[in-house]
């Protein structure tokens, strides 16, 4: 079944993690860029109407653009990830979207709470540990990745590959 997802693309993370993502995260081969997920799964793309886009835009307009860093490595059992700091704007966007679209809890309700993250390795605990070790070494050598969130992208996988469906520009901080 086709689904969609709200994500914040983080091209600045590619220099640090692109090769690890290609090696340890199968979604890269499906067109998924380095990103922090805001909400997945979202509705079937065929059901995304103008009204849905407008409602999502109103919700996302509550969060002004913001700077963040990726300077820490986190783990889930089969996942290694870069942790954004601050995490609170990502959490706020997720919770606001869930309030507006209550039928779409984060990760289908499989996990308690919201942990913003940029997945680097996913699906195998040993590979996740290898990636986490390498990420820590790279961060130690280069310092954190600095990025700015100015937009949220709704992506979809109708074709089997993930593609942009709509881009929501966030207001400038202070507007």
Protein backbone atom coordinates (compact mmCIF):
# COMPACT_ATOMS: atom_id res chain seq x y z
CA UNK A 1 0.00 0.00 0.00
CA UNK A 2 1.29 3.45 -0.88
CA UNK A 3 1.94 5.85 1.99
CA UNK A 4 3.21 9.33 2.52
CA UNK A 5 5.40 10.90 5.20
CA UNK A 6 6.32 14.35 6.49
CA UNK A 7 10.10 14.79 6.66
CA UNK A 8 12.74 17.45 7.13
CA UNK A 9 15.48 16.86 4.59
CA UNK A 10 19.01 17.36 5.93
CA UNK A 11 21.40 17.55 2.97
CA UNK A 12 24.13 18.84 5.32
CA UNK A 13 24.27 15.35 6.88
CA UNK A 14 25.19 13.66 3.60
CA UNK A 15 28.89 14.50 3.83
CA UNK A 16 29.10 12.80 7.21
CA UNK A 17 26.77 9.86 6.66
CA UNK A 18 25.91 9.21 2.98
CA UNK A 19 28.24 6.22 2.58
CA UNK A 20 27.02 4.66 5.84
CA UNK A 21 23.39 5.23 4.85
CA UNK A 22 23.98 3.55 1.47
CA UNK A 23 25.62 0.59 3.20
CA UNK A 24 23.24 0.16 6.14
CA UNK A 25 19.84 1.66 5.23
CA UNK A 26 17.86 0.04 2.40
CA UNK A 27 15.57 3.06 2.04
CA UNK A 28 18.41 4.99 0.39
CA UNK A 29 18.01 2.77 -2.70
CA UNK A 30 14.33 3.77 -2.74
CA UNK A 31 15.15 7.48 -3.02
CA UNK A 32 14.96 8.45 0.64
CA UNK A 33 17.35 11.34 1.36
CA UNK A 34 19.00 12.07 4.70
CA UNK A 35 16.08 13.32 6.77
CA UNK A 36 14.42 13.63 10.13
CA UNK A 37 10.95 12.12 10.09
CA UNK A 38 8.17 14.34 11.38
CA UNK A 39 5.30 11.89 10.77
CA UNK A 40 5.17 8.46 9.16
CA UNK A 41 3.07 6.70 8.04
CA UNK A 42 0.71 9.34 6.74
CA UNK A 43 -2.22 8.70 4.43
CA UNK A 44 -2.27 7.04 1.04
CA UNK A 45 -1.13 9.72 -1.43
CA UNK A 46 -4.31 9.20 -3.47
CA UNK A 47 -6.26 10.55 -0.47
CA UNK A 48 -4.17 13.70 -0.05
CA UNK A 49 -6.53 16.43 -1.19
CA UNK A 50 -6.16 20.20 -1.34
CA UNK A 51 -7.98 20.33 2.01
CA UNK A 52 -5.43 17.95 3.56
CA UNK A 53 -2.54 20.06 2.23
CA UNK A 54 -4.15 23.27 3.53
CA UNK A 55 -4.76 21.76 6.98
CA UNK A 56 -1.17 20.50 7.17
CA UNK A 57 0.11 23.92 6.06
CA UNK A 58 -1.85 25.66 8.84
CA UNK A 59 -0.44 23.23 11.40
CA UNK A 60 3.16 23.55 10.20
CA UNK A 61 2.93 27.37 10.11
CA UNK A 62 2.95 27.27 13.93
CA UNK A 63 6.65 26.33 13.89
CA UNK A 64 9.06 29.01 12.68
CA UNK A 65 12.25 28.02 10.88
CA UNK A 66 15.03 27.00 13.27
CA UNK A 67 18.66 25.96 13.42
CA UNK A 68 19.73 22.60 14.81
CA UNK A 69 22.78 20.43 15.11
CA UNK A 70 23.43 16.74 14.68
CA UNK A 71 26.17 16.09 17.18
CA UNK A 72 25.16 12.96 19.03
CA UNK A 73 24.66 9.35 18.06
CA UNK A 74 21.68 7.40 19.34
CA UNK A 75 20.53 3.81 19.09
CA UNK A 76 17.33 1.85 18.88
CA UNK A 77 17.80 -1.93 18.90
CA UNK A 78 18.28 -2.21 15.12
CA UNK A 79 18.94 1.44 14.27
CA UNK A 80 21.80 3.92 14.62
CA UNK A 81 20.93 7.57 14.21
CA UNK A 82 22.09 11.14 14.52
CA UNK A 83 20.12 13.00 17.18
CA UNK A 84 19.02 16.58 16.45
CA UNK A 85 19.45 19.26 19.06
CA UNK A 86 17.14 20.89 19.89
CA UNK A 87 14.63 18.11 19.43
CA UNK A 88 11.65 20.13 20.65
CA UNK A 89 10.66 21.79 17.33
CA UNK A 90 10.53 18.40 15.61
CA UNK A 91 8.43 16.98 18.45
CA UNK A 92 6.10 20.00 18.34
CA UNK A 93 5.50 19.56 14.60
CA UNK A 94 4.82 15.83 15.05
CA UNK A 95 2.36 16.37 17.88
CA UNK A 96 0.59 19.18 16.02
CA UNK A 97 0.17 17.01 12.91
CA UNK A 98 -1.12 14.12 15.03
CA UNK A 99 -3.63 16.46 16.67
CA UNK A 100 -4.82 17.62 13.23
CA UNK A 101 -4.79 14.08 11.79
CA UNK A 102 -5.49 11.76 14.76
CA UNK A 103 -5.83 8.69 12.55
CA UNK A 104 -2.08 8.79 11.85
CA UNK A 105 -0.02 8.27 15.01
CA UNK A 106 3.77 8.35 14.61
CA UNK A 107 5.13 5.01 13.37
CA UNK A 108 1.60 3.62 13.42
CA UNK A 109 1.55 3.79 17.23
CA UNK A 110 4.30 1.14 17.53
CA UNK A 111 6.49 3.27 19.82
CA UNK A 112 5.79 5.33 22.88
CA UNK A 113 6.82 8.96 22.67
CA UNK A 114 8.50 10.84 19.85
CA UNK A 115 12.27 10.60 19.35
CA UNK A 116 13.44 12.78 16.45
CA UNK A 117 16.31 11.16 14.61
CA UNK A 118 18.16 10.91 11.32
CA UNK A 119 18.53 7.18 10.62
CA UNK A 120 21.92 6.10 9.34
CA UNK A 121 21.63 2.32 9.78
CA UNK A 122 18.41 0.39 10.10
CA UNK A 123 17.32 -3.23 10.21
CA UNK A 124 20.24 -5.11 11.79
CA UNK A 125 21.64 -4.63 15.31
CA UNK A 126 25.22 -5.52 14.36
CA UNK A 127 25.23 -3.13 11.41
CA UNK A 128 23.66 -0.42 13.58
CA UNK A 129 26.46 -0.80 16.13
CA UNK A 130 29.11 -0.65 13.40
CA UNK A 131 27.53 2.51 12.00
CA UNK A 132 27.20 4.08 15.46
CA UNK A 133 30.89 3.47 16.19
CA UNK A 134 31.91 5.01 12.88
CA UNK A 135 29.56 7.99 13.34
CA UNK A 136 31.02 8.73 16.78
CA UNK A 137 34.53 8.71 15.32
CA UNK A 138 33.51 10.99 12.45
CA UNK A 139 31.73 13.43 14.76
CA UNK A 140 34.76 13.49 17.05
CA UNK A 141 36.98 14.34 14.08
CA UNK A 142 34.72 16.84 12.32
CA UNK A 143 32.36 18.21 14.94
CA UNK A 144 28.58 18.34 14.67
CA UNK A 145 26.57 18.90 11.52
CA UNK A 146 24.86 22.30 11.51
CA UNK A 147 21.59 22.71 9.64
CA UNK A 148 18.53 24.93 9.36
CA UNK A 149 14.97 23.68 9.06
CA UNK A 150 13.12 26.03 6.70
CA UNK A 151 10.63 23.54 5.27
CA UNK A 152 8.89 20.22 5.73
CA UNK A 153 8.40 17.94 2.74
CA UNK A 154 5.53 15.52 2.22
CA UNK A 155 7.01 12.55 0.38
CA UNK A 156 5.20 9.53 -1.07
CA UNK A 157 6.05 6.10 -2.46
CA UNK A 158 3.30 5.37 -5.00
CA UNK A 159 5.83 4.40 -7.67
CA UNK A 160 7.88 2.24 -5.30
CA UNK A 161 10.43 5.04 -4.94
CA UNK A 162 10.00 7.96 -2.54
CA UNK A 163 9.32 11.28 -4.24
CA UNK A 164 8.38 14.77 -3.14
CA UNK A 165 4.67 15.44 -3.10
CA UNK A 166 4.49 18.89 -1.48
CA UNK A 167 6.87 21.29 0.27
CA UNK A 168 5.63 23.34 3.24
CA UNK A 169 7.74 26.47 3.84
CA UNK A 170 8.04 27.39 7.50
CA UNK A 171 7.72 31.03 8.52
CA UNK A 172 10.92 32.93 9.25
CA UNK A 173 11.78 33.07 12.94
CA UNK A 174 10.38 36.32 14.32
CA UNK A 175 7.63 36.68 11.67
